[in-house]
All heavy atoms as atom14 arrays in JSON, in Angstrom:
{
  "sequence": "SVLYIKDYIKHPKESGYRSYHMHIQVPIQTTKGIVPTKVELQ",
  "atom14_mask": [
    [1, 1, 1, 1, 1, 1, 0, 0, 0, 0, 0, 0, 0, 0],
    [1, 1, 1, 1, 1, 1, 1, 0, 0, 0, 0, 0, 0, 0],
    [1, 1, 1, 1, 1, 1, 1, 1, 0, 0, 0, 0, 0, 0],
    [1, 1, 1, 1, 1, 1, 1, 1, 1, 1, 1, 1, 0, 0],
    [1, 1, 1, 1, 1, 1, 1, 1, 0, 0, 0, 0, 0, 0],
    [1, 1, 1, 1, 1, 1, 1, 1, 1, 0, 0, 0, 0, 0],
    [1, 1, 1, 1, 1, 1, 1, 1, 0, 0, 0, 0, 0, 0],
    [1, 1, 1, 1, 1, 1, 1, 1, 1, 1, 1, 1, 0, 0],
    [1, 1, 1, 1, 1, 1, 1, 1, 0, 0, 0, 0, 0, 0],
    [1, 1, 1, 1, 1, 1, 1, 1, 1, 0, 0, 0, 0, 0],
    [1, 1, 1, 1, 1, 1, 1, 1, 1, 1, 0, 0, 0, 0],
    [1, 1, 1, 1, 1, 1, 1, 0, 0, 0, 0, 0, 0, 0],
    [1, 1, 1, 1, 1, 1, 1, 1, 1, 0, 0, 0, 0, 0],
    [1, 1, 1, 1, 1, 1, 1, 1, 1, 0, 0, 0, 0, 0],
    [1, 1, 1, 1, 1, 1, 0, 0, 0, 0, 0, 0, 0, 0],
    [1, 1, 1, 1, 0, 0, 0, 0, 0, 0, 0, 0, 0, 0],
    [1, 1, 1, 1, 1, 1, 1, 1, 1, 1, 1, 1, 0, 0],
    [1, 1, 1, 1, 1, 1, 1, 1, 1, 1, 1, 0, 0, 0],
    [1, 1, 1, 1, 1, 1, 0, 0, 0, 0, 0, 0, 0, 0],
    [1, 1, 1, 1, 1, 1, 1, 1, 1, 1, 1, 1, 0, 0],
    [1, 1, 1, 1, 1, 1, 1, 1, 1, 1, 0, 0, 0, 0],
    [1, 1, 1, 1, 1, 1, 1, 1, 0, 0, 0, 0, 0, 0],
    [1, 1, 1, 1, 1, 1, 1, 1, 1, 1, 0, 0, 0, 0],
    [1, 1, 1, 1, 1, 1, 1, 1, 0, 0, 0, 0, 0, 0],
    [1, 1, 1, 1, 1, 1, 1, 1, 1, 0, 0, 0, 0, 0],
    [1, 1, 1, 1, 1, 1, 1, 0, 0, 0, 0, 0, 0, 0],
    [1, 1, 1, 1, 1, 1, 1, 0, 0, 0, 0, 0, 0, 0],
    [1, 1, 1, 1, 1, 1, 1, 1, 0, 0, 0, 0, 0, 0],
    [1, 1, 1, 1, 1, 1, 1, 1, 1, 0, 0, 0, 0, 0],
    [1, 1, 1, 1, 1, 1, 1, 0, 0, 0, 0, 0, 0, 0],
    [1, 1, 1, 1, 1, 1, 1, 0, 0, 0, 0, 0, 0, 0],
    [1, 1, 1, 1, 1, 1, 1, 1, 1, 0, 0, 0, 0, 0],
    [1, 1, 1, 1, 0, 0, 0, 0, 0, 0, 0, 0, 0, 0],
    [1, 1, 1, 1, 1, 1, 1, 1, 0, 0, 0, 0, 0, 0],
    [1, 1, 1, 1, 1, 1, 1, 0, 0, 0, 0, 0, 0, 0],
    [1, 1, 1, 1, 1, 1, 1, 0, 0, 0, 0, 0, 0, 0],
    [1, 1, 1, 1, 1, 1, 1, 0, 0, 0, 0, 0, 0, 0],
    [1, 1, 1, 1, 1, 1, 1, 1, 1, 0, 0, 0, 0, 0],
    [1, 1, 1, 1, 1, 1, 1, 0, 0, 0, 0, 0, 0, 0],
    [1, 1, 1, 1, 1, 1, 1, 1, 1, 0, 0, 0, 0, 0],
    [1, 1, 1, 1, 1, 1, 1, 1, 0, 0, 0, 0, 0, 0],
    [1, 1, 1, 1, 1, 1, 1, 1, 1, 0, 0, 0, 0, 0]
  ],
  "atom14_positions": [
    [[-6.47, -2.94, -6.04], [-6.5, -1.6, -6.45], [-5.4, -0.89, -5.71], [-5.34, -0.88, -4.53], [-7.81, -0.98, -5.96], [-8.97, -1.55, -6.47], [0.0, 0.0, 0.0], [0.0, 0.0, 0.0], [0.0, 0.0, 0.0], [0.0, 0.0, 0.0], [0.0, 0.0, 0.0], [0.0, 0.0, 0.0], [0.0, 0.0, 0.0], [0.0, 0.0, 0.0]],
    [[-4.61, -0.26, -6.6], [-3.47, 0.59, -6.11], [-3.86, 1.9, -5.76], [-4.35, 2.69, -6.58], [-2.27, 0.58, -7.05], [-1.12, 1.48, -6.53], [-1.73, -0.78, -7.35], [0.0, 0.0, 0.0], [0.0, 0.0, 0.0], [0.0, 0.0, 0.0], [0.0, 0.0, 0.0], [0.0, 0.0, 0.0], [0.0, 0.0, 0.0], [0.0, 0.0, 0.0]],
    [[-3.91, 2.27, -4.41], [-4.39, 3.67, -3.95], [-3.38, 4.74, -4.22], [-3.73, 5.68, -4.68], [-4.78, 3.59, -2.42], [-5.84, 2.51, -2.04], [-5.94, 2.39, -0.58], [-7.09, 2.69, -2.88], [0.0, 0.0, 0.0], [0.0, 0.0, 0.0], [0.0, 0.0, 0.0], [0.0, 0.0, 0.0], [0.0, 0.0, 0.0], [0.0, 0.0, 0.0]],
    [[-2.16, 4.47, -3.79], [-1.01, 5.32, -4.06], [0.24, 4.75, -3.84], [0.3, 3.66, -3.12], [-1.17, 6.66, -3.47], [-1.18, 6.59, -1.77], [-0.05, 6.78, -1.16], [-2.36, 6.43, -1.06], [0.04, 6.77, 0.3], [-2.34, 6.36, 0.28], [-1.16, 6.44, 0.99], [-1.11, 6.43, 2.34], [0.0, 0.0, 0.0], [0.0, 0.0, 0.0]],
    [[1.34, 5.24, -4.36], [2.71, 4.74, -4.21], [3.58, 5.82, -3.7], [3.6, 6.97, -3.91], [3.16, 4.2, -5.69], [2.35, 3.09, -6.07], [4.8, 3.97, -5.69], [2.69, 2.67, -7.52], [0.0, 0.0, 0.0], [0.0, 0.0, 0.0], [0.0, 0.0, 0.0], [0.0, 0.0, 0.0], [0.0, 0.0, 0.0], [0.0, 0.0, 0.0]],
    [[4.5, 5.28, -2.75], [5.66, 6.2, -2.25], [6.88, 5.48, -2.58], [7.16, 4.46, -2.16], [5.52, 6.39, -0.78], [4.29, 7.19, -0.37], [4.22, 7.31, 1.1], [3.04, 8.23, 1.54], [3.05, 8.38, 3.07], [0.0, 0.0, 0.0], [0.0, 0.0, 0.0], [0.0, 0.0, 0.0], [0.0, 0.0, 0.0], [0.0, 0.0, 0.0]],
    [[7.65, 6.0, -3.57], [9.01, 5.52, -4.02], [10.14, 6.17, -3.13], [10.74, 7.14, -3.58], [9.12, 5.65, -5.48], [10.35, 4.83, -6.15], [11.15, 4.49, -5.19], [10.38, 4.7, -7.27], [0.0, 0.0, 0.0], [0.0, 0.0, 0.0], [0.0, 0.0, 0.0], [0.0, 0.0, 0.0], [0.0, 0.0, 0.0], [0.0, 0.0, 0.0]],
    [[10.47, 5.43, -2.16], [11.55, 5.91, -1.28], [12.99, 5.48, -1.81], [13.94, 5.61, -1.16], [11.39, 5.65, 0.21], [10.21, 6.31, 0.87], [9.16, 5.51, 1.25], [10.15, 7.69, 0.94], [8.02, 6.03, 1.81], [9.0, 8.21, 1.55], [7.92, 7.42, 2.03], [6.85, 8.02, 2.53], [0.0, 0.0, 0.0], [0.0, 0.0, 0.0]],
    [[12.95, 4.77, -2.95], [14.22, 4.26, -3.58], [14.79, 5.45, -4.4], [15.88, 6.0, -4.23], [13.99, 3.01, -4.32], [13.49, 1.94, -3.35], [15.36, 2.59, -5.05], [13.18, 0.7, -4.12], [0.0, 0.0, 0.0], [0.0, 0.0, 0.0], [0.0, 0.0, 0.0], [0.0, 0.0, 0.0], [0.0, 0.0, 0.0], [0.0, 0.0, 0.0]],
    [[13.9, 5.92, -5.35], [14.25, 7.09, -6.11], [14.23, 8.37, -5.37], [15.01, 9.43, -5.62], [13.24, 7.26, -7.27], [13.38, 5.98, -8.24], [12.37, 6.31, -9.48], [12.57, 5.12, -10.37], [11.41, 5.16, -11.51], [0.0, 0.0, 0.0], [0.0, 0.0, 0.0], [0.0, 0.0, 0.0], [0.0, 0.0, 0.0], [0.0, 0.0, 0.0]],
    [[13.39, 8.46, -4.33], [13.41, 9.69, -3.51], [13.55, 9.28, -2.0], [12.47, 9.25, -1.31], [12.0, 10.47, -3.64], [11.76, 10.73, -5.11], [12.55, 11.76, -5.81], [10.98, 10.18, -6.0], [12.2, 11.73, -7.06], [11.17, 10.76, -7.24], [0.0, 0.0, 0.0], [0.0, 0.0, 0.0], [0.0, 0.0, 0.0], [0.0, 0.0, 0.0]],
    [[14.71, 9.0, -1.51], [14.9, 8.43, -0.06], [14.5, 9.59, 0.96], [14.45, 10.76, 0.63], [16.44, 8.24, -0.08], [16.87, 8.17, -1.45], [16.03, 9.02, -2.24], [0.0, 0.0, 0.0], [0.0, 0.0, 0.0], [0.0, 0.0, 0.0], [0.0, 0.0, 0.0], [0.0, 0.0, 0.0], [0.0, 0.0, 0.0], [0.0, 0.0, 0.0]],
    [[14.08, 9.09, 2.11], [13.81, 10.03, 3.21], [15.13, 10.7, 3.63], [16.28, 10.16, 3.43], [13.15, 9.26, 4.38], [11.8, 8.85, 4.1], [11.16, 8.15, 5.41], [9.68, 7.7, 5.12], [9.12, 7.06, 6.31], [0.0, 0.0, 0.0], [0.0, 0.0, 0.0], [0.0, 0.0, 0.0], [0.0, 0.0, 0.0], [0.0, 0.0, 0.0]],
    [[14.95, 11.72, 4.31], [16.22, 12.47, 4.74], [17.01, 11.56, 5.71], [18.24, 11.77, 5.71], [15.69, 13.71, 5.62], [16.71, 14.67, 6.14], [16.17, 15.79, 6.83], [14.97, 16.12, 6.82], [17.09, 16.58, 7.43], [0.0, 0.0, 0.0], [0.0, 0.0, 0.0], [0.0, 0.0, 0.0], [0.0, 0.0, 0.0], [0.0, 0.0, 0.0]],
    [[16.46, 10.66, 6.37], [17.28, 9.71, 7.31], [18.13, 8.74, 6.44], [19.03, 8.19, 6.99], [16.32, 8.92, 8.1], [15.49, 8.19, 7.32], [0.0, 0.0, 0.0], [0.0, 0.0, 0.0], [0.0, 0.0, 0.0], [0.0, 0.0, 0.0], [0.0, 0.0, 0.0], [0.0, 0.0, 0.0], [0.0, 0.0, 0.0], [0.0, 0.0, 0.0]],
    [[17.75, 8.7, 5.21], [18.43, 7.69, 4.3], [17.61, 6.39, 4.02], [18.0, 5.61, 3.26], [0.0, 0.0, 0.0], [0.0, 0.0, 0.0], [0.0, 0.0, 0.0], [0.0, 0.0, 0.0], [0.0, 0.0, 0.0], [0.0, 0.0, 0.0], [0.0, 0.0, 0.0], [0.0, 0.0, 0.0], [0.0, 0.0, 0.0], [0.0, 0.0, 0.0]],
    [[16.35, 6.44, 4.65], [15.47, 5.34, 4.46], [15.14, 5.13, 3.01], [14.76, 6.03, 2.27], [14.2, 5.43, 5.28], [13.09, 4.34, 5.18], [13.27, 3.22, 5.84], [12.09, 4.65, 4.17], [12.2, 2.23, 5.67], [11.09, 3.66, 3.95], [11.2, 2.42, 4.72], [10.2, 1.53, 4.58], [0.0, 0.0, 0.0], [0.0, 0.0, 0.0]],
    [[15.18, 3.83, 2.53], [14.88, 3.52, 1.12], [14.0, 2.22, 1.07], [14.41, 1.34, 1.63], [16.16, 3.26, 0.23], [17.14, 4.43, 0.19], [18.45, 4.12, -0.45], [18.43, 3.64, -1.81], [18.76, 2.51, -2.1], [19.1, 1.47, -1.38], [18.81, 2.1, -3.36], [0.0, 0.0, 0.0], [0.0, 0.0, 0.0], [0.0, 0.0, 0.0]],
    [[12.93, 2.34, 0.47], [11.92, 1.3, 0.25], [10.81, 1.65, -0.79], [10.79, 2.81, -1.12], [11.35, 0.95, 1.54], [10.46, -0.14, 1.5], [0.0, 0.0, 0.0], [0.0, 0.0, 0.0], [0.0, 0.0, 0.0], [0.0, 0.0, 0.0], [0.0, 0.0, 0.0], [0.0, 0.0, 0.0], [0.0, 0.0, 0.0], [0.0, 0.0, 0.0]],
    [[10.17, 0.75, -1.27], [9.07, 1.03, -2.34], [7.73, 0.64, -1.55], [7.58, -0.61, -1.23], [9.29, 0.21, -3.6], [8.29, 0.5, -4.76], [8.77, 1.5, -5.59], [7.1, 0.05, -4.87], [8.03, 1.98, -6.57], [6.23, 0.39, -5.88], [6.83, 1.37, -6.81], [5.94, 1.64, -7.77], [0.0, 0.0, 0.0], [0.0, 0.0, 0.0]],
    [[6.94, 1.63, -1.36], [5.68, 1.46, -0.62], [4.38, 1.54, -1.54], [4.33, 2.42, -2.39], [5.43, 2.44, 0.54], [6.32, 2.39, 1.59], [6.2, 2.95, 2.8], [7.57, 1.65, 1.7], [7.23, 2.71, 3.62], [7.96, 1.97, 2.95], [0.0, 0.0, 0.0], [0.0, 0.0, 0.0], [0.0, 0.0, 0.0], [0.0, 0.0, 0.0]],
    [[3.64, 0.5, -1.44], [2.43, 0.43, -2.4], [1.26, 0.3, -1.32], [1.22, -0.62, -0.53], [2.39, -0.83, -3.31], [3.41, -0.78, -4.35], [3.3, -2.28, -5.34], [1.83, -1.77, -6.35], [0.0, 0.0, 0.0], [0.0, 0.0, 0.0], [0.0, 0.0, 0.0], [0.0, 0.0, 0.0], [0.0, 0.0, 0.0], [0.0, 0.0, 0.0]],
    [[0.38, 1.3, -1.33], [-0.84, 1.25, -0.65], [-1.96, 0.69, -1.41], [-2.32, 1.4, -2.36], [-1.12, 2.6, -0.07], [-0.14, 3.06, 1.03], [-0.35, 3.01, 2.42], [1.12, 3.58, 0.73], [0.71, 3.47, 3.01], [1.63, 3.85, 2.04], [0.0, 0.0, 0.0], [0.0, 0.0, 0.0], [0.0, 0.0, 0.0], [0.0, 0.0, 0.0]],
    [[-2.42, -0.35, -1.21], [-3.4, -1.18, -1.99], [-4.66, -1.48, -1.24], [-4.73, -1.34, -0.05], [-2.75, -2.39, -2.51], [-2.51, -3.47, -1.47], [-1.46, -2.22, -3.4], [-2.0, -4.75, -1.89], [0.0, 0.0, 0.0], [0.0, 0.0, 0.0], [0.0, 0.0, 0.0], [0.0, 0.0, 0.0], [0.0, 0.0, 0.0], [0.0, 0.0, 0.0]],
    [[-5.69, -1.85, -1.96], [-6.98, -2.32, -1.39], [-7.39, -3.62, -2.02], [-7.3, -3.7, -3.27], [-8.02, -1.28, -1.6], [-9.31, -1.27, -0.8], [-9.99, -0.09, -0.88], [-10.05, 0.7, 0.07], [-10.79, 0.23, -1.96], [0.0, 0.0, 0.0], [0.0, 0.0, 0.0], [0.0, 0.0, 0.0], [0.0, 0.0, 0.0], [0.0, 0.0, 0.0]],
    [[-7.79, -4.55, -1.21], [-8.32, -5.79, -1.71], [-9.71, -6.1, -1.24], [-10.01, -5.76, -0.09], [-7.28, -7.05, -1.35], [-5.91, -6.94, -2.0], [-7.1, -7.02, 0.11], [0.0, 0.0, 0.0], [0.0, 0.0, 0.0], [0.0, 0.0, 0.0], [0.0, 0.0, 0.0], [0.0, 0.0, 0.0], [0.0, 0.0, 0.0], [0.0, 0.0, 0.0]],
    [[-10.5, -6.77, -2.14], [-11.88, -7.11, -1.65], [-11.88, -8.41, -0.8], [-11.34, -9.41, -1.12], [-12.58, -7.32, -3.0], [-11.48, -7.8, -3.88], [-10.2, -7.17, -3.46], [0.0, 0.0, 0.0], [0.0, 0.0, 0.0], [0.0, 0.0, 0.0], [0.0, 0.0, 0.0], [0.0, 0.0, 0.0], [0.0, 0.0, 0.0], [0.0, 0.0, 0.0]],
    [[-12.5, -8.29, 0.43], [-12.56, -9.42, 1.32], [-14.0, -9.89, 1.38], [-14.98, -9.15, 1.64], [-12.24, -8.98, 2.7], [-10.65, -8.57, 2.82], [-12.32, -10.21, 3.69], [-9.71, -9.59, 2.21], [0.0, 0.0, 0.0], [0.0, 0.0, 0.0], [0.0, 0.0, 0.0], [0.0, 0.0, 0.0], [0.0, 0.0, 0.0], [0.0, 0.0, 0.0]],
    [[-14.26, -11.03, 0.89], [-15.57, -11.66, 0.73], [-15.91, -12.03, 2.15], [-15.28, -13.03, 2.76], [-15.68, -12.84, -0.18], [-16.93, -13.44, -0.39], [-17.93, -12.49, -1.12], [-17.7, -12.11, -2.26], [-19.08, -12.18, -0.5], [0.0, 0.0, 0.0], [0.0, 0.0, 0.0], [0.0, 0.0, 0.0], [0.0, 0.0, 0.0], [0.0, 0.0, 0.0]],
    [[-17.07, -11.53, 2.69], [-17.62, -12.06, 3.95], [-19.0, -12.51, 3.72], [-19.62, -12.44, 2.65], [-17.71, -10.82, 5.0], [-18.67, -9.85, 4.6], [-16.29, -10.19, 5.09], [0.0, 0.0, 0.0], [0.0, 0.0, 0.0], [0.0, 0.0, 0.0], [0.0, 0.0, 0.0], [0.0, 0.0, 0.0], [0.0, 0.0, 0.0], [0.0, 0.0, 0.0]],
    [[-19.66, -13.1, 4.68], [-21.14, -13.57, 4.54], [-22.07, -12.37, 4.41], [-23.09, -12.57, 3.9], [-21.48, -14.29, 5.85], [-21.31, -13.47, 7.03], [-20.62, -15.63, 6.0], [0.0, 0.0, 0.0], [0.0, 0.0, 0.0], [0.0, 0.0, 0.0], [0.0, 0.0, 0.0], [0.0, 0.0, 0.0], [0.0, 0.0, 0.0], [0.0, 0.0, 0.0]],
    [[-21.64, -11.2, 4.83], [-22.51, -10.03, 4.61], [-22.16, -9.2, 3.34], [-22.76, -8.18, 3.02], [-22.43, -9.06, 5.84], [-22.82, -9.62, 7.07], [-22.75, -8.73, 8.29], [-23.2, -9.35, 9.6], [-23.03, -8.49, 10.66], [0.0, 0.0, 0.0], [0.0, 0.0, 0.0], [0.0, 0.0, 0.0], [0.0, 0.0, 0.0], [0.0, 0.0, 0.0]],
    [[-21.18, -9.73, 2.53], [-20.78, -8.9, 1.25], [-19.29, -8.74, 1.18], [-18.58, -9.22, 2.1], [0.0, 0.0, 0.0], [0.0, 0.0, 0.0], [0.0, 0.0, 0.0], [0.0, 0.0, 0.0], [0.0, 0.0, 0.0], [0.0, 0.0, 0.0], [0.0, 0.0, 0.0], [0.0, 0.0, 0.0], [0.0, 0.0, 0.0], [0.0, 0.0, 0.0]],
    [[-18.93, -8.01, 0.29], [-17.53, -7.79, -0.02], [-17.17, -6.43, 0.62], [-17.85, -5.4, 0.64], [-17.29, -7.53, -1.49], [-17.41, -8.9, -2.21], [-15.85, -6.94, -1.76], [-17.32, -8.84, -3.72], [0.0, 0.0, 0.0], [0.0, 0.0, 0.0], [0.0, 0.0, 0.0], [0.0, 0.0, 0.0], [0.0, 0.0, 0.0], [0.0, 0.0, 0.0]],
    [[-16.02, -6.45, 1.44], [-15.47, -5.36, 2.24], [-14.05, -4.95, 1.66], [-13.1, -5.76, 1.85], [-15.52, -5.59, 3.63], [-14.91, -4.4, 4.37], [-16.75, -6.17, 4.28], [0.0, 0.0, 0.0], [0.0, 0.0, 0.0], [0.0, 0.0, 0.0], [0.0, 0.0, 0.0], [0.0, 0.0, 0.0], [0.0, 0.0, 0.0], [0.0, 0.0, 0.0]],
    [[-13.93, -3.76, 0.97], [-12.56, -3.35, 0.43], [-11.83, -3.11, 1.71], [-12.17, -2.5, 2.59], [-12.91, -2.11, -0.4], [-14.36, -2.2, -0.68], [-14.95, -3.0, 0.39], [0.0, 0.0, 0.0], [0.0, 0.0, 0.0], [0.0, 0.0, 0.0], [0.0, 0.0, 0.0], [0.0, 0.0, 0.0], [0.0, 0.0, 0.0], [0.0, 0.0, 0.0]],
    [[-10.57, -3.56, 1.74], [-9.62, -3.51, 2.82], [-8.18, -3.13, 2.54], [-7.76, -3.64, 1.48], [-9.58, -4.79, 3.65], [-11.01, -5.34, 4.05], [-8.93, -4.67, 5.1], [0.0, 0.0, 0.0], [0.0, 0.0, 0.0], [0.0, 0.0, 0.0], [0.0, 0.0, 0.0], [0.0, 0.0, 0.0], [0.0, 0.0, 0.0], [0.0, 0.0, 0.0]],
    [[-7.69, -2.19, 3.23], [-6.45, -1.65, 2.91], [-5.29, -2.4, 3.38], [-5.29, -2.91, 4.58], [-6.18, -0.2, 3.43], [-7.25, 0.81, 2.8], [-7.03, 2.17, 3.5], [-8.21, 3.13, 3.13], [-8.17, 4.34, 3.97], [0.0, 0.0, 0.0], [0.0, 0.0, 0.0], [0.0, 0.0, 0.0], [0.0, 0.0, 0.0], [0.0, 0.0, 0.0]],
    [[-4.14, -2.53, 2.65], [-2.95, -3.19, 3.03], [-1.74, -2.31, 2.5], [-1.87, -1.74, 1.42], [-2.79, -4.56, 2.45], [-1.4, -5.28, 2.76], [-4.06, -5.47, 2.84], [0.0, 0.0, 0.0], [0.0, 0.0, 0.0], [0.0, 0.0, 0.0], [0.0, 0.0, 0.0], [0.0, 0.0, 0.0], [0.0, 0.0, 0.0], [0.0, 0.0, 0.0]],
    [[-0.79, -2.18, 3.29], [0.58, -1.47, 2.83], [1.51, -2.56, 2.49], [1.83, -3.41, 3.32], [1.1, -0.59, 3.99], [2.23, 0.27, 3.3], [3.13, 0.99, 4.53], [3.59, 0.24, 5.39], [3.34, 2.15, 4.37], [0.0, 0.0, 0.0], [0.0, 0.0, 0.0], [0.0, 0.0, 0.0], [0.0, 0.0, 0.0], [0.0, 0.0, 0.0]],
    [[2.12, -2.45, 1.28], [3.17, -3.27, 0.9], [4.59, -2.51, 0.92], [4.52, -1.51, 0.38], [2.9, -3.75, -0.56], [2.13, -5.04, -0.75], [1.81, -5.21, -2.23], [2.79, -6.21, -0.23], [0.0, 0.0, 0.0], [0.0, 0.0, 0.0], [0.0, 0.0, 0.0], [0.0, 0.0, 0.0], [0.0, 0.0, 0.0], [0.0, 0.0, 0.0]],
    [[5.43, -3.04, 1.53], [6.86, -2.44, 1.41], [7.7, -3.42, 0.81], [7.93, -4.56, 1.18], [7.38, -2.25, 3.0], [6.53, -1.24, 3.72], [7.09, -1.05, 5.17], [7.95, -1.68, 5.54], [6.57, -0.18, 5.83], [0.0, 0.0, 0.0], [0.0, 0.0, 0.0], [0.0, 0.0, 0.0], [0.0, 0.0, 0.0], [0.0, 0.0, 0.0]]
  ]
}
């Protein structure tokens, strides 16, 4: 599940930083059930 995106390539930070950030969520199967867990992709 893509939670939100920050496109610092098309819109660089003031410092000049450029990267494409995807904040996502993945289901982790545990013995007590599924736990949605966040991950940041750069």
